[in-house]
Every structure is written in C-alpha cells, then in structure tokens.
C-alpha atoms as a PDB file:
ATOM      1  CA  MET A   1      -3.319 -16.867  27.645  1.00  0.00           C
ATOM      2  CA  ASN A   2      -5.654 -19.340  26.010  1.00  0.00           C
ATOM      3  CA  LEU A   3      -9.345 -18.356  26.230  1.00  0.00           C
ATOM      4  CA  ARG A   4     -10.721 -20.275  23.274  1.00  0.00           C
ATOM      5  CA  GLU A   5     -14.275 -21.644  23.299  1.00  0.00           C
ATOM      6  CA  ASN A   6     -15.541 -19.793  26.368  1.00  0.00           C
ATOM      7  CA  GLN A   7     -18.540 -17.902  24.948  1.00  0.00           C
ATOM      8  CA  ILE A   8     -16.717 -14.629  25.621  1.00  0.00           C
ATOM      9  CA  SER A   9     -18.242 -11.459  24.208  1.00  0.00           C
ATOM     10  CA  ASP A  10     -16.845  -8.723  26.479  1.00  0.00           C
ATOM     11  CA  LEU A  11     -13.062  -8.277  26.501  1.00  0.00           C
ATOM     12  CA  THR A  12     -13.013  -5.430  29.015  1.00  0.00           C
ATOM     13  CA  PRO A  13     -11.425  -7.537  31.805  1.00  0.00           C
ATOM     14  CA  LEU A  14      -8.384  -8.055  29.563  1.00  0.00           C
ATOM     15  CA  SER A  15      -7.657  -4.365  29.090  1.00  0.00           C
ATOM     16  CA  GLU A  16      -5.196  -4.125  31.978  1.00  0.00           C
ATOM     17  CA  LEU A  17      -3.122  -7.201  31.104  1.00  0.00           C
ATOM     18  CA  GLU A  18      -0.451  -5.141  29.427  1.00  0.00           C
ATOM     19  CA  ASN A  19       2.325  -7.683  29.865  1.00  0.00           C
ATOM     20  CA  ILE A  20       0.814 -10.701  28.124  1.00  0.00           C
ATOM     21  CA  GLU A  21       2.504 -11.782  24.912  1.00  0.00           C
ATOM     22  CA  PHE A  22       0.158 -14.548  23.726  1.00  0.00           C
ATOM     23  CA  LEU A  23      -3.643 -14.421  23.512  1.00  0.00           C
ATOM     24  CA  SER A  24      -6.031 -16.857  21.866  1.00  0.00           C
ATOM     25  CA  LEU A  25      -9.709 -15.927  21.666  1.00  0.00           C
ATOM     26  CA  MET A  26     -10.851 -18.202  18.877  1.00  0.00           C
ATOM     27  CA  LYS A  27     -14.362 -19.672  18.888  1.00  0.00           C
ATOM     28  CA  ASN A  28     -15.890 -17.001  21.098  1.00  0.00           C
ATOM     29  CA  LEU A  29     -18.534 -14.319  20.491  1.00  0.00           C
ATOM     30  CA  VAL A  30     -16.325 -11.233  20.252  1.00  0.00           C
ATOM     31  CA  GLU A  31     -17.312  -8.241  18.146  1.00  0.00           C
ATOM     32  CA  ASP A  32     -15.541  -5.348  19.871  1.00  0.00           C
ATOM     33  CA  ILE A  33     -11.775  -5.702  20.302  1.00  0.00           C
ATOM     34  CA  SER A  34     -11.142  -2.175  21.588  1.00  0.00           C
ATOM     35  CA  PRO A  35     -10.103  -3.451  25.068  1.00  0.00           C
ATOM     36  CA  LEU A  36      -7.093  -5.061  23.387  1.00  0.00           C
ATOM     37  CA  SER A  37      -5.632  -1.729  22.288  1.00  0.00           C
ATOM     38  CA  ASN A  38      -3.572  -1.444  25.486  1.00  0.00           C
ATOM     39  CA  LEU A  39      -1.928  -4.855  25.163  1.00  0.00           C
ATOM     40  CA  ILE A  40       1.151  -3.422  23.539  1.00  0.00           C
ATOM     41  CA  ASN A  41       3.388  -6.375  24.416  1.00  0.00           C
ATOM     42  CA  LEU A  42       1.312  -8.903  22.502  1.00  0.00           C
ATOM     43  CA  ARG A  43       3.345 -10.920  20.042  1.00  0.00           C
ATOM     44  CA  VAL A  44       0.741 -13.510  19.065  1.00  0.00           C
ATOM     45  CA  LEU A  45      -2.984 -12.807  18.748  1.00  0.00           C
ATOM     46  CA  ILE A  46      -5.417 -15.473  17.579  1.00  0.00           C
ATOM     47  CA  LEU A  47      -8.985 -14.364  16.934  1.00  0.00           C
ATOM     48  CA  ASN A  48      -9.880 -17.092  14.443  1.00  0.00           C
ATOM     49  CA  ILE A  49      -7.990 -19.839  12.647  1.00  0.00           C
ATOM     50  CA  PHE A  50      -9.374 -21.604   9.616  1.00  0.00           C
ATOM     51  CA  PRO A  51      -7.903 -25.143   9.381  1.00  0.00           C
ATOM     52  CA  GLY A  52      -8.525 -25.218   5.643  1.00  0.00           C
ATOM     53  CA  ASP A  53      -5.597 -22.842   5.182  1.00  0.00           C
ATOM     54  CA  ALA A  54      -3.675 -25.996   4.928  1.00  0.00           C
ATOM     55  CA  ILE A  55      -2.598 -25.896   1.348  1.00  0.00           C
ATOM     56  CA  GLY A  56      -4.856 -25.949  -1.626  1.00  0.00           C
ATOM     57  CA  PHE A  57      -8.108 -26.185   0.289  1.00  0.00           C
ATOM     58  CA  SER A  58     -11.340 -25.965  -1.659  1.00  0.00           C
ATOM     59  CA  MET A  59     -14.779 -25.307  -0.256  1.00  0.00           C
ATOM     60  CA  GLU A  60     -18.298 -24.803  -1.531  1.00  0.00           C
ATOM     61  CA  GLN A  61     -19.989 -21.494  -0.708  1.00  0.00           C
ATOM     62  CA  ASN A  62     -22.548 -23.098   1.615  1.00  0.00           C
ATOM     63  CA  ASP A  63     -19.727 -24.800   3.521  1.00  0.00           C
ATOM     64  CA  ILE A  64     -18.072 -21.415   4.070  1.00  0.00           C
ATOM     65  CA  GLY A  65     -21.262 -20.096   5.626  1.00  0.00           C
ATOM     66  CA  TRP A  66     -21.429 -23.070   7.935  1.00  0.00           C
ATOM     67  CA  MET A  67     -17.811 -22.651   8.994  1.00  0.00           C
ATOM     68  CA  LEU A  68     -18.289 -18.974   9.818  1.00  0.00           C
ATOM     69  CA  GLU A  69     -21.413 -19.727  11.787  1.00  0.00           C
ATOM     70  CA  VAL A  70     -19.708 -22.184  14.104  1.00  0.00           C
ATOM     71  CA  ARG A  71     -16.545 -20.168  14.579  1.00  0.00           C
ATOM     72  CA  GLY A  72     -18.052 -17.057  16.212  1.00  0.00           C
ATOM     73  CA  ASN A  73     -16.045 -13.790  16.474  1.00  0.00           C
ATOM     74  CA  ARG A  74     -17.281 -11.096  14.072  1.00  0.00           C
ATOM     75  CA  ILE A  75     -14.756  -8.277  14.148  1.00  0.00           C
ATOM     76  CA  HIS A  76     -15.474  -5.678  11.475  1.00  0.00           C
ATOM     77  CA  ASP A  77     -13.210  -2.944  12.893  1.00  0.00           C
ATOM     78  CA  LEU A  78      -9.506  -3.676  13.330  1.00  0.00           C
ATOM     79  CA  THR A  79      -8.612  -0.148  14.476  1.00  0.00           C
ATOM     80  CA  PRO A  80      -7.737  -1.233  18.054  1.00  0.00           C
ATOM     81  CA  LEU A  81      -4.943  -3.380  16.645  1.00  0.00           C
ATOM     82  CA  SER A  82      -3.078  -0.420  15.164  1.00  0.00           C
ATOM     83  CA  ASN A  83      -1.216   0.175  18.439  1.00  0.00           C
ATOM     84  CA  LEU A  84      -0.007  -3.406  18.775  1.00  0.00           C
ATOM     85  CA  THR A  85       3.239  -2.878  16.922  1.00  0.00           C
ATOM     86  CA  ASN A  86       5.009  -5.786  18.632  1.00  0.00           C
ATOM     87  CA  LEU A  87       2.695  -8.320  17.033  1.00  0.00           C
ATOM     88  CA  GLU A  88       4.532 -11.022  15.115  1.00  0.00           C
ATOM     89  CA  GLU A  89       1.662 -13.420  14.434  1.00  0.00           C
ATOM     90  CA  LEU A  90      -1.948 -12.388  13.808  1.00  0.00           C
ATOM     91  CA  PHE A  91      -4.784 -14.762  12.941  1.00  0.00           C
ATOM     92  CA  LEU A  92      -8.028 -13.192  11.711  1.00  0.00           C
ATOM     93  CA  ALA A  93      -9.617 -15.867   9.522  1.00  0.00           C
ATOM     94  CA  GLY A  94     -13.344 -15.530   9.017  1.00  0.00           C
ATOM     95  CA  VAL A  95     -13.978 -12.414  11.111  1.00  0.00           C
ATOM     96  CA  GLN A  96     -15.681 -10.673   8.133  1.00  0.00           C
ATOM     97  CA  VAL A  97     -13.287  -7.742   8.012  1.00  0.00           C
ATOM     98  CA  GLN A  98     -13.025  -5.541   4.919  1.00  0.00           C
ATOM     99  CA  ASP A  99     -10.775  -2.603   5.854  1.00  0.00           C
ATOM    100  CA  LEU A 100      -7.163  -3.650   6.428  1.00  0.00           C
ATOM    101  CA  SER A 101      -5.766  -0.132   6.946  1.00  0.00           C
ATOM    102  CA  PRO A 102      -5.275  -0.557  10.741  1.00  0.00           C
ATOM    103  CA  LEU A 103      -2.677  -3.235   9.971  1.00  0.00           C
ATOM    104  CA  ALA A 104      -0.435  -0.909   7.990  1.00  0.00           C
ATOM    105  CA  GLU A 105       1.893  -0.068  10.885  1.00  0.00           C
ATOM    106  CA  LEU A 106       2.341  -3.615  12.202  1.00  0.00           C
ATOM    107  CA  ALA A 107       5.804  -3.857  10.713  1.00  0.00           C
ATOM    108  CA  ASN A 108       6.946  -6.749  12.920  1.00  0.00           C
ATOM    109  CA  LEU A 109       4.360  -9.176  11.584  1.00  0.00           C
ATOM    110  CA  ARG A 110       5.857 -12.414  10.306  1.00  0.00           C
ATOM    111  CA  GLU A 111       2.624 -14.379   9.916  1.00  0.00           C
ATOM    112  CA  LEU A 112      -0.770 -12.952   8.965  1.00  0.00           C
ATOM    113  CA  ASN A 113      -3.913 -14.964   8.334  1.00  0.00           C
ATOM    114  CA  LEU A 114      -6.812 -13.089   6.732  1.00  0.00           C
ATOM    115  CA  SER A 115      -8.549 -15.959   4.974  1.00  0.00           C
ATOM    116  CA  ILE A 116     -12.332 -15.930   4.522  1.00  0.00           C
ATOM    117  CA  ASN A 117     -12.970 -12.224   4.867  1.00  0.00           C
ATOM    118  CA  ARG A 118     -14.208  -9.408   2.616  1.00  0.00           C
ATOM    119  CA  ALA A 119     -10.908  -7.737   1.826  1.00  0.00           C
ATOM    120  CA  SER A 120     -10.205  -6.391  -1.646  1.00  0.00           C
ATOM    121  CA  ASN A 121      -7.666  -3.604  -1.080  1.00  0.00           C
ATOM    122  CA  LEU A 122      -4.256  -4.960  -0.081  1.00  0.00           C
ATOM    123  CA  ALA A 123      -2.472  -1.581  -0.090  1.00  0.00           C
ATOM    124  CA  PRO A 124      -2.209  -1.484   3.740  1.00  0.00           C
ATOM    125  CA  LEU A 125      -0.049  -4.615   3.597  1.00  0.00           C
ATOM    126  CA  SER A 126       2.444  -3.198   1.104  1.00  0.00           C
ATOM    127  CA  ASN A 127       5.077  -2.215   3.670  1.00  0.00           C
ATOM    128  CA  LEU A 128       4.869  -5.253   5.955  1.00  0.00           C
ATOM    129  CA  ASN A 129       8.251  -6.375   4.735  1.00  0.00           C
ATOM    130  CA  ASN A 130       8.884  -8.884   7.518  1.00  0.00           C
ATOM    131  CA  LEU A 131       5.965 -11.080   6.483  1.00  0.00           C
ATOM    132  CA  GLU A 132       6.978 -14.674   5.804  1.00  0.00           C
ATOM    133  CA  ASP A 133       3.575 -16.350   5.808  1.00  0.00           C
ATOM    134  CA  LEU A 134       0.471 -14.656   4.369  1.00  0.00           C
ATOM    135  CA  SER A 135      -2.963 -16.274   3.971  1.00  0.00           C
ATOM    136  CA  LEU A 136      -5.547 -14.390   1.900  1.00  0.00           C
ATOM    137  CA  GLY A 137      -7.759 -17.166   0.563  1.00  0.00           C
ATOM    138  CA  PHE A 138     -11.515 -16.646   0.108  1.00  0.00           C
ATOM    139  CA  ASN A 139     -11.605 -12.862  -0.100  1.00  0.00           C
ATOM    140  CA  GLN A 140     -12.555 -10.441  -2.903  1.00  0.00           C
ATOM    141  CA  ILE A 141      -9.054  -9.714  -4.144  1.00  0.00           C
ATOM    142  CA  GLY A 142      -8.359  -8.869  -7.770  1.00  0.00           C
ATOM    143  CA  ASP A 143      -5.294  -6.630  -7.614  1.00  0.00           C
ATOM    144  CA  ILE A 144      -2.220  -8.056  -5.851  1.00  0.00           C
ATOM    145  CA  ALA A 145       0.228  -5.269  -6.785  1.00  0.00           C
ATOM    146  CA  ALA A 146       0.643  -4.401  -3.102  1.00  0.00           C
ATOM    147  CA  LEU A 147       2.378  -7.734  -2.515  1.00  0.00           C
ATOM    148  CA  SER A 148       5.276  -6.989  -4.857  1.00  0.00           C
ATOM    149  CA  ASN A 149       7.520  -5.615  -2.086  1.00  0.00           C
ATOM    150  CA  LEU A 150       7.027  -8.486   0.362  1.00  0.00           C
ATOM    151  CA  HIS A 151      10.343 -10.097  -0.496  1.00  0.00           C
ATOM    152  CA  ASN A 152      10.552 -12.220   2.648  1.00  0.00           C
ATOM    153  CA  LEU A 153       7.418 -14.224   1.900  1.00  0.00           C
ATOM    154  CA  HIS A 154       7.973 -17.969   2.038  1.00  0.00           C
ATOM    155  CA  ARG A 155       4.314 -19.015   1.903  1.00  0.00           C
ATOM    156  CA  LEU A 156       1.449 -17.236   0.165  1.00  0.00           C
ATOM    157  CA  ILE A 157      -2.161 -18.384  -0.115  1.00  0.00           C
ATOM    158  CA  LEU A 158      -4.504 -16.584  -2.510  1.00  0.00           C
ATOM    159  CA  ASP A 159      -7.038 -19.327  -3.274  1.00  0.00           C
ATOM    160  CA  ASN A 160     -10.584 -18.444  -4.293  1.00  0.00           C
ATOM    161  CA  ASN A 161     -10.204 -14.797  -5.210  1.00  0.00           C
ATOM    162  CA  GLN A 162     -10.521 -12.799  -8.458  1.00  0.00           C
ATOM    163  CA  VAL A 163      -6.855 -12.641  -9.411  1.00  0.00           C
ATOM    164  CA  ASN A 164      -5.831 -12.800 -13.069  1.00  0.00           C
ATOM    165  CA  ASP A 165      -2.497 -10.953 -13.150  1.00  0.00           C
ATOM    166  CA  ILE A 166       0.273 -12.475 -11.035  1.00  0.00           C
ATOM    167  CA  SER A 167       3.139 -10.355 -12.365  1.00  0.00           C
ATOM    168  CA  PRO A 168       3.568  -8.686  -8.926  1.00  0.00           C
ATOM    169  CA  LEU A 169       4.810 -12.050  -7.634  1.00  0.00           C
ATOM    170  CA  SER A 170       7.723 -12.251 -10.075  1.00  0.00           C
ATOM    171  CA  GLY A 171      10.232 -10.789  -7.628  1.00  0.00           C
ATOM    172  CA  LEU A 172       9.227 -12.826  -4.559  1.00  0.00           C
ATOM    173  CA  THR A 173      12.178 -15.170  -4.850  1.00  0.00           C
ATOM    174  CA  GLU A 174      11.937 -16.503  -1.294  1.00  0.00           C
ATOM    175  CA  LEU A 175       8.594 -18.181  -1.993  1.00  0.00           C
ATOM    176  CA  ASN A 176       8.625 -21.943  -1.552  1.00  0.00           C
ATOM    177  CA  MET A 177       4.857 -22.521  -1.340  1.00  0.00           C
ATOM    178  CA  LEU A 178       2.283 -20.655  -3.435  1.00  0.00           C
ATOM    179  CA  SER A 179      -1.417 -21.439  -3.656  1.00  0.00           C
ATOM    180  CA  LEU A 180      -3.433 -19.768  -6.423  1.00  0.00           C
ATOM    181  CA  SER A 181      -6.236 -22.260  -6.964  1.00  0.00           C
ATOM    182  CA  ASP A 182      -9.651 -21.095  -8.159  1.00  0.00           C
ATOM    183  CA  ASN A 183      -8.612 -17.806  -9.688  1.00  0.00           C
ATOM    184  CA  GLN A 184      -8.770 -16.569 -13.302  1.00  0.00           C
ATOM    185  CA  ILE A 185      -5.044 -16.944 -13.923  1.00  0.00           C
ATOM    186  CA  SER A 186      -3.983 -18.105 -17.386  1.00  0.00           C
ATOM    187  CA  ASP A 187      -0.459 -16.675 -17.661  1.00  0.00           C
ATOM    188  CA  ILE A 188       2.007 -18.110 -15.150  1.00  0.00           C
ATOM    189  CA  SER A 189       5.172 -16.808 -16.815  1.00  0.00           C
ATOM    190  CA  PRO A 190       5.853 -14.464 -13.840  1.00  0.00           C
ATOM    191  CA  LEU A 191       6.657 -17.576 -11.800  1.00  0.00           C
ATOM    192  CA  SER A 192       9.475 -18.718 -14.069  1.00  0.00           C
ATOM    193  CA  GLY A 193      12.155 -16.962 -12.034  1.00  0.00           C
ATOM    194  CA  LEU A 194      11.064 -18.253  -8.636  1.00  0.00           C
ATOM    195  CA  GLY A 195      13.806 -20.838  -8.270  1.00  0.00           C
ATOM    196  CA  GLY A 196      12.983 -21.673  -4.675  1.00  0.00           C
ATOM    197  CA  LEU A 197       9.341 -22.569  -5.378  1.00  0.00           C
ATOM    198  CA  ARG A 198       8.686 -26.189  -4.387  1.00  0.00           C
ATOM    199  CA  TRP A 199       4.904 -26.345  -4.019  1.00  0.00           C
ATOM    200  CA  LEU A 200       2.439 -24.689  -6.395  1.00  0.00           C
ATOM    201  CA  PHE A 201      -1.327 -25.085  -6.253  1.00  0.00           C
ATOM    202  CA  MET A 202      -3.157 -24.078  -9.439  1.00  0.00           C
ATOM    203  CA  GLU A 203      -6.310 -26.192  -9.427  1.00  0.00           C
ATOM    204  CA  GLY A 204      -9.362 -24.564 -10.970  1.00  0.00           C
ATOM    205  CA  THR A 205      -7.401 -22.109 -13.139  1.00  0.00           C
ATOM    206  CA  PRO A 206      -7.445 -21.802 -16.975  1.00  0.00           C
ATOM    207  CA  VAL A 207      -3.682 -22.363 -17.395  1.00  0.00           C
ATOM    208  CA  THR A 208      -2.691 -24.177 -20.591  1.00  0.00           C
ATOM    209  CA  ASP A 209       1.054 -23.431 -20.810  1.00  0.00           C
ATOM    210  CA  TRP A 210       2.827 -24.970 -17.839  1.00  0.00           C
ATOM    211  CA  SER A 211       6.379 -24.539 -19.141  1.00  0.00           C
ATOM    212  CA  PRO A 212       7.205 -21.560 -16.851  1.00  0.00           C
ATOM    213  CA  VAL A 213       6.938 -23.838 -13.800  1.00  0.00           C
ATOM    214  CA  GLU A 214       8.834 -26.869 -15.082  1.00  0.00           C
ATOM    215  CA  HIS A 215      11.314 -26.323 -12.253  1.00  0.00           C
ATOM    216  CA  VAL A 216       8.673 -26.696  -9.541  1.00  0.00           C
ATOM    217  CA  GLU A 217       8.657 -30.129  -7.890  1.00  0.00           C
ATOM    218  CA  ARG A 218       4.949 -30.298  -7.018  1.00  0.00           C
ATOM    219  CA  VAL A 219       2.318 -28.559  -9.126  1.00  0.00           C
ATOM    220  CA  LEU A 220      -1.282 -29.404  -8.319  1.00  0.00           C
ATOM    221  CA  GLY A 221      -3.593 -28.721 -11.257  1.00  0.00           C
ATOM    222  CA  ARG A 222      -1.005 -29.499 -13.909  1.00  0.00           C
ATOM    223  CA  PRO A 223      -2.173 -32.304 -16.225  1.00  0.00           C
END
C-alpha cells in the first residue's frame, strides 16, 4: 500500500489491515506509529527515505535541516515496531529517532535505513545477523563495536558520524561497499582483510597510509 505524500497524520484507520505486507508512508505528517503495531505481516515499511544515501553523499548542516523540513514524519518512539518481527526492509531516514532498542528483536531485517537521525548507541542492532544493507549516515555514532557480528553485511554507510576506530569491521568479509566519509578515521588497517570490498568512500578523513586498501578497486578520498 503506497500512501506517500498525502498529508497523513493519523494512522488509526490502518490498524486493522493485518494482512498487508508493504506500506509506504513517506512524506506525510506522522508522529505516532502505534496503530502499526498490529500489522504483523508487514515485510516492507517505508517511513522516510533519504535519496542521499546513494554512496558517499555529503551535505552541509543547513541543507540537512531543509531536507528534514520538507520530508515530514517525526517519529521519536519506535516501540510499536517491536512486534513487527516479519519485517525485512525498514526505512526510517530523518525521523529524528534516538532510541533504537525497539528494533532489537527484528531478526528478519535484511535492509535498515537509519540515516539522518540522533542515534549513538548501536547495541540494539548487534544481533540483527540477517542484515545485508545498513545505512547509518548523519547520526551521532562514535562506537561501532555492535556491528562486529553482522557478518552478512554487503553494504554499510557510516558517513558523517564521530567514528575513529573501525576495528569492529575487520571481520565483515562480505562487505563490498563501505562508506566512511567525514569521520575521524586515520587507521584503516582493519580493512586489509576485506577481500570482497570493491567500493570504499573515505573522503574527509585524516588517512595518510592507504596501503591496507590497495586491493580495493575504487577508493574515493585516496590521493
């Protein structure tokens, strides 16, 4: 069901649609998603998508504010999603969420987009082992230790955060695209063993020794 750009604020009429598997609500005025808690057959839920998640995107702070303003949906509490354990794809870019704990039991997730939020604690994501695509750009993330067990990740976006230690990524051997631009990363030796990595985005980082990623075909930011 595609309900994008309809000025929707009240989701109550959706609460009885227990059999729907796809729901897009992007570019509306939603704040309360509690009526979605009964939609246990949902596989894809789109509350906001940020097109800049296309690889290596960079944005000035005032542009971020403008983007959030035009996109609507401000969903601070994700608790109603905790029952939706059949979800495979969840898009929450720019909804201003901070607490990710309601996502901890969504073990079937394969794609999760949390770009442009206020998240700093990634611990609730640590057991989402089926994730293949994870977007976390433009948050307040410093510690990425919780990602070390996500061995099925193929694509990871961490642009514009506060990351300096990427050693938790050293075992993510399925990665083929990694975006780390605009972080405080200087040591990229943990990436040396990622033989499947084909695209690496490191613009705006203080890296000087690029030898650990000589095997990577495309490295943006490398002199």
